[in-house]
Amino acid sequence: MKTVKPQEIKAEPVEFNGTLIPGVTIRWLIKREDGADKFAMRYFELEKGVVIPEHSHPWEHEIFVLEGKTIITEGEEARTIEAGTAAYIKPNAPHSYKNIGNGKLVFLCIIPYTKV
């Protein structure tokens, strides 16, 4: 069994289309090297006002907001969600995130390991 606190893992910058997104970090809480061969659990932090631009990929993922408030878009739909709320993003759906809260946005993102 592995147990871990996010602070025990080094925060890494997040890259988007070959460019780092300032104000966004990721911590891989659970990954293949831990024996997880089906899913990864990631911990994201976005500074106030930061946006992860629209993107898509062939896998689904689940989001759970731990702190803050965000607008998540999926295609033409936009929803404002805050701490304590989960969201599901469909495979291949264009989606984005924007921190609209007064402080840091923190969320978990669970993704499957897929053969893409």
PDB file of N, CA and C in Angstrom:
ATOM      1  N   MET A   1       0.849  -1.172   0.000  1.00  0.00           N
ATOM      2  CA  MET A   1       0.000   0.000   0.000  1.00  0.00           C
ATOM      3  C   MET A   1       0.895   1.236   0.000  1.00  0.00           C
ATOM      4  N   LYS A   2       0.489   2.215  -0.761  1.00  0.00           N
ATOM      5  CA  LYS A   2       1.187   3.493  -0.764  1.00  0.00           C
ATOM      6  C   LYS A   2       0.279   4.527  -0.130  1.00  0.00           C
ATOM      7  N   THR A   3       0.842   5.340   0.722  1.00  0.00           N
ATOM      8  CA  THR A   3       0.136   6.516   1.221  1.00  0.00           C
ATOM      9  C   THR A   3       1.054   7.705   0.977  1.00  0.00           C
ATOM     10  N   VAL A   4       0.456   8.830   0.640  1.00  0.00           N
ATOM     11  CA  VAL A   4       1.269  10.006   0.315  1.00  0.00           C
ATOM     12  C   VAL A   4       0.448  11.267   0.537  1.00  0.00           C
ATOM     13  N   LYS A   5       1.127  12.305   0.956  1.00  0.00           N
ATOM     14  CA  LYS A   5       0.537  13.634   1.039  1.00  0.00           C
ATOM     15  C   LYS A   5       1.097  14.445  -0.122  1.00  0.00           C
ATOM     16  N   PRO A   6       0.284  15.294  -0.745  1.00  0.00           N
ATOM     17  CA  PRO A   6       0.777  16.058  -1.900  1.00  0.00           C
ATOM     18  C   PRO A   6       2.091  16.796  -1.627  1.00  0.00           C
ATOM     19  N   GLN A   7       2.263  17.329  -0.412  1.00  0.00           N
ATOM     20  CA  GLN A   7       3.463  18.086  -0.077  1.00  0.00           C
ATOM     21  C   GLN A   7       4.725  17.222  -0.116  1.00  0.00           C
ATOM     22  N   GLU A   8       4.557  15.904  -0.075  1.00  0.00           N
ATOM     23  CA  GLU A   8       5.710  14.997  -0.092  1.00  0.00           C
ATOM     24  C   GLU A   8       6.237  14.754  -1.506  1.00  0.00           C
ATOM     25  N   ILE A   9       5.514  15.237  -2.508  1.00  0.00           N
ATOM     26  CA  ILE A   9       5.907  15.033  -3.909  1.00  0.00           C
ATOM     27  C   ILE A   9       6.250  16.385  -4.514  1.00  0.00           C
ATOM     28  N   LYS A  10       7.317  16.409  -5.268  1.00  0.00           N
ATOM     29  CA  LYS A  10       7.761  17.653  -5.904  1.00  0.00           C
ATOM     30  C   LYS A  10       6.735  18.116  -6.944  1.00  0.00           C
ATOM     31  N   ALA A  11       6.359  19.380  -6.853  1.00  0.00           N
ATOM     32  CA  ALA A  11       5.458  19.976  -7.848  1.00  0.00           C
ATOM     33  C   ALA A  11       6.244  20.190  -9.137  1.00  0.00           C
ATOM     34  N   GLU A  12       5.640  19.788 -10.249  1.00  0.00           N
ATOM     35  CA  GLU A  12       6.276  19.940 -11.557  1.00  0.00           C
ATOM     36  C   GLU A  12       5.503  20.962 -12.376  1.00  0.00           C
ATOM     37  N   PRO A  13       6.198  21.700 -13.251  1.00  0.00           N
ATOM     38  CA  PRO A  13       5.482  22.622 -14.134  1.00  0.00           C
ATOM     39  C   PRO A  13       4.639  21.831 -15.134  1.00  0.00           C
ATOM     40  N   VAL A  14       3.622  22.484 -15.675  1.00  0.00           N
ATOM     41  CA  VAL A  14       2.739  21.852 -16.658  1.00  0.00           C
ATOM     42  C   VAL A  14       3.035  22.451 -18.022  1.00  0.00           C
ATOM     43  N   GLU A  15       3.220  21.570 -18.994  1.00  0.00           N
ATOM     44  CA  GLU A  15       3.528  21.980 -20.359  1.00  0.00           C
ATOM     45  C   GLU A  15       2.283  21.838 -21.222  1.00  0.00           C
ATOM     46  N   PHE A  16       2.090  22.781 -22.123  1.00  0.00           N
ATOM     47  CA  PHE A  16       0.962  22.752 -23.050  1.00  0.00           C
ATOM     48  C   PHE A  16       1.490  23.106 -24.427  1.00  0.00           C
ATOM     49  N   ASN A  17       1.395  22.172 -25.365  1.00  0.00           N
ATOM     50  CA  ASN A  17       1.900  22.378 -26.733  1.00  0.00           C
ATOM     51  C   ASN A  17       3.341  22.875 -26.746  1.00  0.00           C
ATOM     52  N   GLY A  18       4.171  22.291 -25.887  1.00  0.00           N
ATOM     53  CA  GLY A  18       5.585  22.635 -25.871  1.00  0.00           C
ATOM     54  C   GLY A  18       5.947  23.871 -25.074  1.00  0.00           C
ATOM     55  N   THR A  19       4.975  24.516 -24.433  1.00  0.00           N
ATOM     56  CA  THR A  19       5.228  25.720 -23.651  1.00  0.00           C
ATOM     57  C   THR A  19       4.718  25.519 -22.227  1.00  0.00           C
ATOM     58  N   LEU A  20       5.505  25.960 -21.249  1.00  0.00           N
ATOM     59  CA  LEU A  20       5.055  25.863 -19.858  1.00  0.00           C
ATOM     60  C   LEU A  20       3.926  26.855 -19.606  1.00  0.00           C
ATOM     61  N   ILE A  21       2.950  26.440 -18.794  1.00  0.00           N
ATOM     62  CA  ILE A  21       1.858  27.331 -18.407  1.00  0.00           C
ATOM     63  C   ILE A  21       2.241  27.929 -17.056  1.00  0.00           C
ATOM     64  N   PRO A  22       2.575  29.220 -17.007  1.00  0.00           N
ATOM     65  CA  PRO A  22       2.925  29.830 -15.729  1.00  0.00           C
ATOM     66  C   PRO A  22       1.769  29.739 -14.734  1.00  0.00           C
ATOM     67  N   GLY A  23       2.105  29.417 -13.481  1.00  0.00           N
ATOM     68  CA  GLY A  23       1.080  29.374 -12.441  1.00  0.00           C
ATOM     69  C   GLY A  23       0.334  28.067 -12.329  1.00  0.00           C
ATOM     70  N   VAL A  24       0.797  27.017 -13.040  1.00  0.00           N
ATOM     71  CA  VAL A  24       0.151  25.701 -12.959  1.00  0.00           C
ATOM     72  C   VAL A  24       1.211  24.660 -12.592  1.00  0.00           C
ATOM     73  N   THR A  25       0.901  23.841 -11.578  1.00  0.00           N
ATOM     74  CA  THR A  25       1.791  22.731 -11.232  1.00  0.00           C
ATOM     75  C   THR A  25       0.990  21.443 -11.118  1.00  0.00           C
ATOM     76  N   ILE A  26       1.708  20.335 -11.249  1.00  0.00           N
ATOM     77  CA  ILE A  26       1.122  19.003 -11.134  1.00  0.00           C
ATOM     78  C   ILE A  26       2.004  18.165 -10.222  1.00  0.00           C
ATOM     79  N   ARG A  27       1.353  17.313  -9.446  1.00  0.00           N
ATOM     80  CA  ARG A  27       2.043  16.312  -8.627  1.00  0.00           C
ATOM     81  C   ARG A  27       1.373  14.973  -8.944  1.00  0.00           C
ATOM     82  N   TRP A  28       2.153  14.000  -9.362  1.00  0.00           N
ATOM     83  CA  TRP A  28       1.628  12.673  -9.672  1.00  0.00           C
ATOM     84  C   TRP A  28       1.565  11.890  -8.362  1.00  0.00           C
ATOM     85  N   LEU A  29       0.367  11.820  -7.769  1.00  0.00           N
ATOM     86  CA  LEU A  29       0.209  11.166  -6.474  1.00  0.00           C
ATOM     87  C   LEU A  29       0.320   9.649  -6.583  1.00  0.00           C
ATOM     88  N   ILE A  30      -0.360   9.076  -7.563  1.00  0.00           N
ATOM     89  CA  ILE A  30      -0.344   7.632  -7.793  1.00  0.00           C
ATOM     90  C   ILE A  30      -0.057   7.430  -9.273  1.00  0.00           C
ATOM     91  N   LYS A  31       0.908   6.547  -9.589  1.00  0.00           N
ATOM     92  CA  LYS A  31       1.303   6.341 -10.984  1.00  0.00           C
ATOM     93  C   LYS A  31       1.793   4.915 -11.196  1.00  0.00           C
ATOM     94  N   ARG A  32       2.180   4.616 -12.403  1.00  0.00           N
ATOM     95  CA  ARG A  32       2.620   3.265 -12.757  1.00  0.00           C
ATOM     96  C   ARG A  32       3.739   2.758 -11.850  1.00  0.00           C
ATOM     97  N   GLU A  33       4.681   3.618 -11.559  1.00  0.00           N
ATOM     98  CA  GLU A  33       5.817   3.212 -10.728  1.00  0.00           C
ATOM     99  C   GLU A  33       5.394   2.774  -9.329  1.00  0.00           C
ATOM    100  N   ASP A  34       4.184   3.137  -8.938  1.00  0.00           N
ATOM    101  CA  ASP A  34       3.634   2.730  -7.649  1.00  0.00           C
ATOM    102  C   ASP A  34       2.878   1.406  -7.750  1.00  0.00           C
ATOM    103  N   GLY A  35       2.788   0.861  -8.961  1.00  0.00           N
ATOM    104  CA  GLY A  35       2.052  -0.375  -9.184  1.00  0.00           C
ATOM    105  C   GLY A  35       0.663  -0.158  -9.751  1.00  0.00           C
ATOM    106  N   ALA A  36       0.287   1.094  -9.975  1.00  0.00           N
ATOM    107  CA  ALA A  36      -1.033   1.408 -10.535  1.00  0.00           C
ATOM    108  C   ALA A  36      -0.960   1.260 -12.047  1.00  0.00           C
ATOM    109  N   ASP A  37      -1.498   0.193 -12.578  1.00  0.00           N
ATOM    110  CA  ASP A  37      -1.387  -0.039 -14.014  1.00  0.00           C
ATOM    111  C   ASP A  37      -2.647   0.328 -14.796  1.00  0.00           C
ATOM    112  N   LYS A  38      -3.686   0.798 -14.115  1.00  0.00           N
ATOM    113  CA  LYS A  38      -4.921   1.172 -14.811  1.00  0.00           C
ATOM    114  C   LYS A  38      -5.218   2.667 -14.744  1.00  0.00           C
ATOM    115  N   PHE A  39      -4.931   3.320 -13.599  1.00  0.00           N
ATOM    116  CA  PHE A  39      -5.265   4.733 -13.420  1.00  0.00           C
ATOM    117  C   PHE A  39      -4.115   5.492 -12.774  1.00  0.00           C
ATOM    118  N   ALA A  40      -4.073   6.796 -13.048  1.00  0.00           N
ATOM    119  CA  ALA A  40      -3.151   7.708 -12.372  1.00  0.00           C
ATOM    120  C   ALA A  40      -3.977   8.761 -11.657  1.00  0.00           C
ATOM    121  N   MET A  41      -3.486   9.186 -10.481  1.00  0.00           N
ATOM    122  CA  MET A  41      -4.114  10.263  -9.735  1.00  0.00           C
ATOM    123  C   MET A  41      -3.143  11.439  -9.710  1.00  0.00           C
ATOM    124  N   ARG A  42      -3.635  12.590 -10.210  1.00  0.00           N
ATOM    125  CA  ARG A  42      -2.790  13.781 -10.309  1.00  0.00           C
ATOM    126  C   ARG A  42      -3.389  14.910  -9.476  1.00  0.00           C
ATOM    127  N   TYR A  43      -2.517  15.757  -8.943  1.00  0.00           N
ATOM    128  CA  TYR A  43      -2.904  16.856  -8.065  1.00  0.00           C
ATOM    129  C   TYR A  43      -2.450  18.150  -8.729  1.00  0.00           C
ATOM    130  N   PHE A  44      -3.406  18.962  -9.162  1.00  0.00           N
ATOM    131  CA  PHE A  44      -3.102  20.212  -9.864  1.00  0.00           C
ATOM    132  C   PHE A  44      -3.311  21.408  -8.948  1.00  0.00           C
ATOM    133  N   GLU A  45      -2.481  22.430  -9.130  1.00  0.00           N
ATOM    134  CA  GLU A  45      -2.659  23.717  -8.478  1.00  0.00           C
ATOM    135  C   GLU A  45      -2.560  24.812  -9.533  1.00  0.00           C
ATOM    136  N   LEU A  46      -3.538  25.706  -9.556  1.00  0.00           N
ATOM    137  CA  LEU A  46      -3.548  26.848 -10.474  1.00  0.00           C
ATOM    138  C   LEU A  46      -3.628  28.124  -9.648  1.00  0.00           C
ATOM    139  N   GLU A  47      -2.739  29.038  -9.929  1.00  0.00           N
ATOM    140  CA  GLU A  47      -2.771  30.331  -9.259  1.00  0.00           C
ATOM    141  C   GLU A  47      -3.999  31.119  -9.746  1.00  0.00           C
ATOM    142  N   LYS A  48      -4.358  32.142  -8.998  1.00  0.00           N
ATOM    143  CA  LYS A  48      -5.524  32.976  -9.310  1.00  0.00           C
ATOM    144  C   LYS A  48      -5.458  33.492 -10.753  1.00  0.00           C
ATOM    145  N   GLY A  49      -6.568  33.331 -11.480  1.00  0.00           N
ATOM    146  CA  GLY A  49      -6.687  33.846 -12.841  1.00  0.00           C
ATOM    147  C   GLY A  49      -6.071  32.996 -13.931  1.00  0.00           C
ATOM    148  N   VAL A  50      -5.379  31.922 -13.577  1.00  0.00           N
ATOM    149  CA  VAL A  50      -4.676  31.099 -14.567  1.00  0.00           C
ATOM    150  C   VAL A  50      -5.659  30.225 -15.350  1.00  0.00           C
ATOM    151  N   VAL A  51      -5.328  30.014 -16.617  1.00  0.00           N
ATOM    152  CA  VAL A  51      -6.146  29.205 -17.520  1.00  0.00           C
ATOM    153  C   VAL A  51      -5.317  28.049 -18.075  1.00  0.00           C
ATOM    154  N   ILE A  52      -5.892  26.854 -18.069  1.00  0.00           N
ATOM    155  CA  ILE A  52      -5.348  25.750 -18.865  1.00  0.00           C
ATOM    156  C   ILE A  52      -6.161  25.789 -20.151  1.00  0.00           C
ATOM    157  N   PRO A  53      -5.516  26.118 -21.281  1.00  0.00           N
ATOM    158  CA  PRO A  53      -6.258  26.319 -22.535  1.00  0.00           C
ATOM    159  C   PRO A  53      -6.991  25.068 -23.006  1.00  0.00           C
ATOM    160  N   GLU A  54      -7.924  25.307 -23.902  1.00  0.00           N
ATOM    161  CA  GLU A  54      -8.712  24.202 -24.464  1.00  0.00           C
ATOM    162  C   GLU A  54      -7.798  23.173 -25.110  1.00  0.00           C
ATOM    163  N   HIS A  55      -8.106  21.919 -24.843  1.00  0.00           N
ATOM    164  CA  HIS A  55      -7.357  20.795 -25.399  1.00  0.00           C
ATOM    165  C   HIS A  55      -8.269  19.569 -25.375  1.00  0.00           C
ATOM    166  N   SER A  56      -7.847  18.514 -26.004  1.00  0.00           N
ATOM    167  CA  SER A  56      -8.603  17.265 -25.955  1.00  0.00           C
ATOM    168  C   SER A  56      -7.623  16.104 -26.039  1.00  0.00           C
ATOM    169  N   HIS A  57      -8.089  14.949 -25.631  1.00  0.00           N
ATOM    170  CA  HIS A  57      -7.301  13.726 -25.698  1.00  0.00           C
ATOM    171  C   HIS A  57      -8.263  12.540 -25.708  1.00  0.00           C
ATOM    172  N   PRO A  58      -7.787  11.385 -26.120  1.00  0.00           N
ATOM    173  CA  PRO A  58      -8.697  10.249 -26.323  1.00  0.00           C
ATOM    174  C   PRO A  58      -9.122   9.505 -25.060  1.00  0.00           C
ATOM    175  N   TRP A  59      -8.812  10.022 -23.896  1.00  0.00           N
ATOM    176  CA  TRP A  59      -9.233   9.349 -22.672  1.00  0.00           C
ATOM    177  C   TRP A  59     -10.162  10.234 -21.854  1.00  0.00           C
ATOM    178  N   GLU A  60     -11.015   9.570 -21.076  1.00  0.00           N
ATOM    179  CA  GLU A  60     -11.876  10.283 -20.132  1.00  0.00           C
ATOM    180  C   GLU A  60     -11.049  10.671 -18.917  1.00  0.00           C
ATOM    181  N   HIS A  61     -11.554  11.581 -18.132  1.00  0.00           N
ATOM    182  CA  HIS A  61     -10.967  11.823 -16.823  1.00  0.00           C
ATOM    183  C   HIS A  61     -11.985  12.444 -15.881  1.00  0.00           C
ATOM    184  N   GLU A  62     -11.675  12.272 -14.611  1.00  0.00           N
ATOM    185  CA  GLU A  62     -12.534  12.759 -13.557  1.00  0.00           C
ATOM    186  C   GLU A  62     -11.779  13.810 -12.759  1.00  0.00           C
ATOM    187  N   ILE A  63     -12.483  14.852 -12.381  1.00  0.00           N
ATOM    188  CA  ILE A  63     -11.915  15.964 -11.635  1.00  0.00           C
ATOM    189  C   ILE A  63     -12.651  16.049 -10.296  1.00  0.00           C
ATOM    190  N   PHE A  64     -11.915  16.344  -9.228  1.00  0.00           N
ATOM    191  CA  PHE A  64     -12.539  16.651  -7.946  1.00  0.00           C
ATOM    192  C   PHE A  64     -11.857  17.886  -7.388  1.00  0.00           C
ATOM    193  N   VAL A  65     -12.632  18.963  -7.218  1.00  0.00           N
ATOM    194  CA  VAL A  65     -12.080  20.230  -6.748  1.00  0.00           C
ATOM    195  C   VAL A  65     -11.949  20.196  -5.226  1.00  0.00           C
ATOM    196  N   LEU A  66     -10.722  20.406  -4.757  1.00  0.00           N
ATOM    197  CA  LEU A  66     -10.427  20.414  -3.329  1.00  0.00           C
ATOM    198  C   LEU A  66     -10.490  21.816  -2.727  1.00  0.00           C
ATOM    199  N   GLU A  67     -10.019  22.805  -3.499  1.00  0.00           N
ATOM    200  CA  GLU A  67      -9.999  24.202  -3.045  1.00  0.00           C
ATOM    201  C   GLU A  67     -10.288  25.103  -4.228  1.00  0.00           C
ATOM    202  N   GLY A  68     -10.980  26.197  -3.972  1.00  0.00           N
ATOM    203  CA  GLY A  68     -11.160  27.234  -4.974  1.00  0.00           C
ATOM    204  C   GLY A  68     -12.407  27.089  -5.810  1.00  0.00           C
ATOM    205  N   LYS A  69     -12.386  27.815  -6.927  1.00  0.00           N
ATOM    206  CA  LYS A  69     -13.542  27.904  -7.823  1.00  0.00           C
ATOM    207  C   LYS A  69     -13.025  27.990  -9.255  1.00  0.00           C
ATOM    208  N   THR A  70     -13.671  27.269 -10.157  1.00  0.00           N
ATOM    209  CA  THR A  70     -13.214  27.204 -11.541  1.00  0.00           C
ATOM    210  C   THR A  70     -14.382  27.203 -12.512  1.00  0.00           C
ATOM    211  N   ILE A  71     -14.097  27.627 -13.724  1.00  0.00           N
ATOM    212  CA  ILE A  71     -15.006  27.390 -14.844  1.00  0.00           C
ATOM    213  C   ILE A  71     -14.362  26.291 -15.671  1.00  0.00           C
ATOM    214  N   ILE A  72     -15.084  25.201 -15.852  1.00  0.00           N
ATOM    215  CA  ILE A  72     -14.636  24.120 -16.729  1.00  0.00           C
ATOM    216  C   ILE A  72     -15.517  24.165 -17.962  1.00  0.00           C
ATOM    217  N   THR A  73     -14.890  24.190 -19.131  1.00  0.00           N
ATOM    218  CA  THR A  73     -15.655  24.097 -20.365  1.00  0.00           C
ATOM    219  C   THR A  73     -15.480  22.703 -20.941  1.00  0.00           C
ATOM    220  N   GLU A  74     -16.517  22.232 -21.593  1.00  0.00           N
ATOM    221  CA  GLU A  74     -16.463  20.992 -22.365  1.00  0.00           C
ATOM    222  C   GLU A  74     -17.266  21.276 -23.620  1.00  0.00           C
ATOM    223  N   GLY A  75     -16.552  21.469 -24.720  1.00  0.00           N
ATOM    224  CA  GLY A  75     -17.227  21.877 -25.943  1.00  0.00           C
ATOM    225  C   GLY A  75     -17.857  23.240 -25.750  1.00  0.00           C
ATOM    226  N   GLU A  76     -19.151  23.362 -26.033  1.00  0.00           N
ATOM    227  CA  GLU A  76     -19.871  24.631 -25.903  1.00  0.00           C
ATOM    228  C   GLU A  76     -20.401  24.870 -24.488  1.00  0.00           C
ATOM    229  N   GLU A  77     -20.332  23.856 -23.630  1.00  0.00           N
ATOM    230  CA  GLU A  77     -20.877  23.965 -22.278  1.00  0.00           C
ATOM    231  C   GLU A  77     -19.811  24.478 -21.309  1.00  0.00           C
ATOM    232  N   ALA A  78     -20.194  25.392 -20.431  1.00  0.00           N
ATOM    233  CA  ALA A  78     -19.309  25.903 -19.383  1.00  0.00           C
ATOM    234  C   ALA A  78     -20.031  25.786 -18.047  1.00  0.00           C
ATOM    235  N   ARG A  79     -19.310  25.295 -17.052  1.00  0.00           N
ATOM    236  CA  ARG A  79     -19.898  25.173 -15.718  1.00  0.00           C
ATOM    237  C   ARG A  79     -18.940  25.755 -14.689  1.00  0.00           C
ATOM    238  N   THR A  80     -19.499  26.468 -13.742  1.00  0.00           N
ATOM    239  CA  THR A  80     -18.724  26.970 -12.619  1.00  0.00           C
ATOM    240  C   THR A  80     -18.851  25.960 -11.492  1.00  0.00           C
ATOM    241  N   ILE A  81     -17.714  25.488 -10.992  1.00  0.00           N
ATOM    242  CA  ILE A  81     -17.743  24.539  -9.874  1.00  0.00           C
ATOM    243  C   ILE A  81     -16.741  24.987  -8.817  1.00  0.00           C
ATOM    244  N   GLU A  82     -16.985  24.541  -7.609  1.00  0.00           N
ATOM    245  CA  GLU A  82     -16.110  24.924  -6.500  1.00  0.00           C
ATOM    246  C   GLU A  82     -15.796  23.714  -5.637  1.00  0.00           C
ATOM    247  N   ALA A  83     -15.033  23.949  -4.584  1.00  0.00           N
ATOM    248  CA  ALA A  83     -14.574  22.879  -3.701  1.00  0.00           C
ATOM    249  C   ALA A  83     -15.715  21.952  -3.311  1.00  0.00           C
ATOM    250  N   GLY A  84     -15.412  20.651  -3.340  1.00  0.00           N
ATOM    251  CA  GLY A  84     -16.402  19.643  -2.978  1.00  0.00           C
ATOM    252  C   GLY A  84     -17.205  19.125  -4.148  1.00  0.00           C
ATOM    253  N   THR A  85     -16.852  19.546  -5.381  1.00  0.00           N
ATOM    254  CA  THR A  85     -17.609  19.167  -6.570  1.00  0.00           C
ATOM    255  C   THR A  85     -16.751  18.304  -7.492  1.00  0.00           C
ATOM    256  N   ALA A  86     -17.375  17.280  -8.070  1.00  0.00           N
ATOM    257  CA  ALA A  86     -16.705  16.410  -9.045  1.00  0.00           C
ATOM    258  C   ALA A  86     -17.222  16.725 -10.441  1.00  0.00           C
ATOM    259  N   ALA A  87     -16.381  16.486 -11.445  1.00  0.00           N
ATOM    260  CA  ALA A  87     -16.766  16.676 -12.846  1.00  0.00           C
ATOM    261  C   ALA A  87     -16.199  15.524 -13.666  1.00  0.00           C
ATOM    262  N   TYR A  88     -16.924  15.144 -14.703  1.00  0.00           N
ATOM    263  CA  TYR A  88     -16.505  14.097 -15.639  1.00  0.00           C
ATOM    264  C   TYR A  88     -16.305  14.730 -16.999  1.00  0.00           C
ATOM    265  N   ILE A  89     -15.148  14.494 -17.612  1.00  0.00           N
ATOM    266  CA  ILE A  89     -14.842  14.987 -18.955  1.00  0.00           C
ATOM    267  C   ILE A  89     -14.778  13.783 -19.890  1.00  0.00           C
ATOM    268  N   LYS A  90     -15.599  13.816 -20.945  1.00  0.00           N
ATOM    269  CA  LYS A  90     -15.676  12.699 -21.894  1.00  0.00           C
ATOM    270  C   LYS A  90     -14.417  12.593 -22.750  1.00  0.00           C
ATOM    271  N   PRO A  91     -14.106  11.395 -23.247  1.00  0.00           N
ATOM    272  CA  PRO A  91     -12.985  11.250 -24.173  1.00  0.00           C
ATOM    273  C   PRO A  91     -13.189  12.129 -25.409  1.00  0.00           C
ATOM    274  N   ASN A  92     -12.107  12.688 -25.898  1.00  0.00           N
ATOM    275  CA  ASN A  92     -12.067  13.507 -27.121  1.00  0.00           C
ATOM    276  C   ASN A  92     -12.832  14.828 -27.020  1.00  0.00           C
ATOM    277  N   ALA A  93     -13.371  15.162 -25.864  1.00  0.00           N
ATOM    278  CA  ALA A  93     -14.115  16.418 -25.709  1.00  0.00           C
ATOM    279  C   ALA A  93     -13.131  17.576 -25.504  1.00  0.00           C
ATOM    280  N   PRO A  94     -13.239  18.639 -26.302  1.00  0.00           N
ATOM    281  CA  PRO A  94     -12.402  19.807 -26.041  1.00  0.00           C
ATOM    282  C   PRO A  94     -12.797  20.411 -24.691  1.00  0.00           C
ATOM    283  N   HIS A  95     -11.820  20.694 -23.847  1.00  0.00           N
ATOM    284  CA  HIS A  95     -12.112  21.211 -22.515  1.00  0.00           C
ATOM    285  C   HIS A  95     -11.004  22.142 -22.037  1.00  0.00           C
ATOM    286  N   SER A  96     -11.365  23.005 -21.069  1.00  0.00           N
ATOM    287  CA  SER A  96     -10.416  23.954 -20.497  1.00  0.00           C
ATOM    288  C   SER A  96     -10.802  24.233 -19.054  1.00  0.00           C
ATOM    289  N   TYR A  97      -9.878  24.863 -18.334  1.00  0.00           N
ATOM    290  CA  TYR A  97     -10.085  25.216 -16.929  1.00  0.00           C
ATOM    291  C   TYR A  97      -9.631  26.652 -16.719  1.00  0.00           C
ATOM    292  N   LYS A  98     -10.367  27.400 -15.906  1.00  0.00           N
ATOM    293  CA  LYS A  98      -9.951  28.752 -15.532  1.00  0.00           C
ATOM    294  C   LYS A  98     -10.216  28.940 -14.044  1.00  0.00           C
ATOM    295  N   ASN A  99      -9.187  29.360 -13.325  1.00  0.00           N
ATOM    296  CA  ASN A  99      -9.337  29.644 -11.906  1.00  0.00           C
ATOM    297  C   ASN A  99     -10.004  31.005 -11.757  1.00  0.00           C
ATOM    298  N   ILE A 100     -11.242  31.012 -11.258  1.00  0.00           N
ATOM    299  CA  ILE A 100     -11.978  32.271 -11.082  1.00  0.00           C
ATOM    300  C   ILE A 100     -12.159  32.625  -9.611  1.00  0.00           C
ATOM    301  N   GLY A 101     -11.503  31.867  -8.728  1.00  0.00           N
ATOM    302  CA  GLY A 101     -11.628  32.125  -7.295  1.00  0.00           C
ATOM    303  C   GLY A 101     -10.693  33.232  -6.838  1.00  0.00           C
ATOM    304  N   ASN A 102     -10.749  33.512  -5.556  1.00  0.00           N
ATOM    305  CA  ASN A 102      -9.918  34.553  -4.953  1.00  0.00           C
ATOM    306  C   ASN A 102      -8.531  34.057  -4.569  1.00  0.00           C
ATOM    307  N   GLY A 103      -8.308  32.775  -4.671  1.00  0.00           N
ATOM    308  CA  GLY A 103      -7.013  32.192  -4.314  1.00  0.00           C
ATOM    309  C   GLY A 103      -6.672  31.055  -5.248  1.00  0.00           C
ATOM    310  N   LYS A 104      -5.897  30.133  -4.738  1.00  0.00           N
ATOM    311  CA  LYS A 104      -5.432  28.984  -5.512  1.00  0.00           C
ATOM    312  C   LYS A 104      -6.586  28.025  -5.810  1.00  0.00           C
ATOM    313  N   LEU A 105      -6.563  27.426  -6.994  1.00  0.00           N
ATOM    314  CA  LEU A 105      -7.464  26.335  -7.363  1.00  0.00           C
ATOM    315  C   LEU A 105      -6.670  25.043  -7.226  1.00  0.00           C
ATOM    316  N   VAL A 106      -7.218  24.085  -6.492  1.00  0.00           N
ATOM    317  CA  VAL A 106      -6.556  22.795  -6.292  1.00  0.00           C
ATOM    318  C   VAL A 106      -7.559  21.713  -6.644  1.00  0.00           C
ATOM    319  N   PHE A 107      -7.148  20.786  -7.526  1.00  0.00           N
ATOM    320  CA  PHE A 107      -8.050  19.686  -7.867  1.00  0.00           C
ATOM    321  C   PHE A 107      -7.293  18.402  -8.144  1.00  0.00           C
ATOM    322  N   LEU A 108      -7.989  17.300  -7.913  1.00  0.00           N
ATOM    323  CA  LEU A 108      -7.492  15.983  -8.299  1.00  0.00           C
ATOM    324  C   LEU A 108      -7.989  15.687  -9.692  1.00  0.00           C
ATOM    325  N   CYS A 109      -7.171  15.024 -10.475  1.00  0.00           N
ATOM    326  CA  CYS A 109      -7.553  14.584 -11.822  1.00  0.00           C
ATOM    327  C   CYS A 109      -7.142  13.131 -11.958  1.00  0.00           C
ATOM    328  N   ILE A 110      -8.121  12.278 -12.214  1.00  0.00           N
ATOM    329  CA  ILE A 110      -7.885  10.853 -12.367  1.00  0.00           C
ATOM    330  C   ILE A 110      -7.986  10.503 -13.844  1.00  0.00           C
ATOM    331  N   ILE A 111      -6.956   9.843 -14.361  1.00  0.00           N
ATOM    332  CA  ILE A 111      -6.957   9.452 -15.774  1.00  0.00           C
ATOM    333  C   ILE A 111      -6.603   7.975 -15.894  1.00  0.00           C
ATOM    334  N   PRO A 112      -7.134   7.316 -16.927  1.00  0.00           N
ATOM    335  CA  PRO A 112      -6.738   5.922 -17.164  1.00  0.00           C
ATOM    336  C   PRO A 112      -5.437   5.887 -17.960  1.00  0.00           C
ATOM    337  N   TYR A 113      -4.681   4.831 -17.764  1.00  0.00           N
ATOM    338  CA  TYR A 113      -3.559   4.574 -18.662  1.00  0.00           C
ATOM    339  C   TYR A 113      -4.146   3.894 -19.886  1.00  0.00           C
ATOM    340  N   THR A 114      -3.944   4.472 -21.037  1.00  0.00           N
ATOM    341  CA  THR A 114      -4.522   3.906 -22.256  1.00  0.00           C
ATOM    342  C   THR A 114      -3.429   3.642 -23.272  1.00  0.00           C
ATOM    343  N   LYS A 115      -3.738   2.788 -24.203  1.00  0.00           N
ATOM    344  CA  LYS A 115      -2.838   2.544 -25.322  1.00  0.00           C
ATOM    345  C   LYS A 115      -3.284   3.446 -26.452  1.00  0.00           C
ATOM    346  N   VAL A 116      -2.628   4.575 -26.569  1.00  0.00           N
ATOM    347  CA  VAL A 116      -3.009   5.579 -27.569  1.00  0.00           C
ATOM    348  C   VAL A 116      -2.011   5.570 -28.692  1.00  0.00           C
TER     349      VAL A 116
END
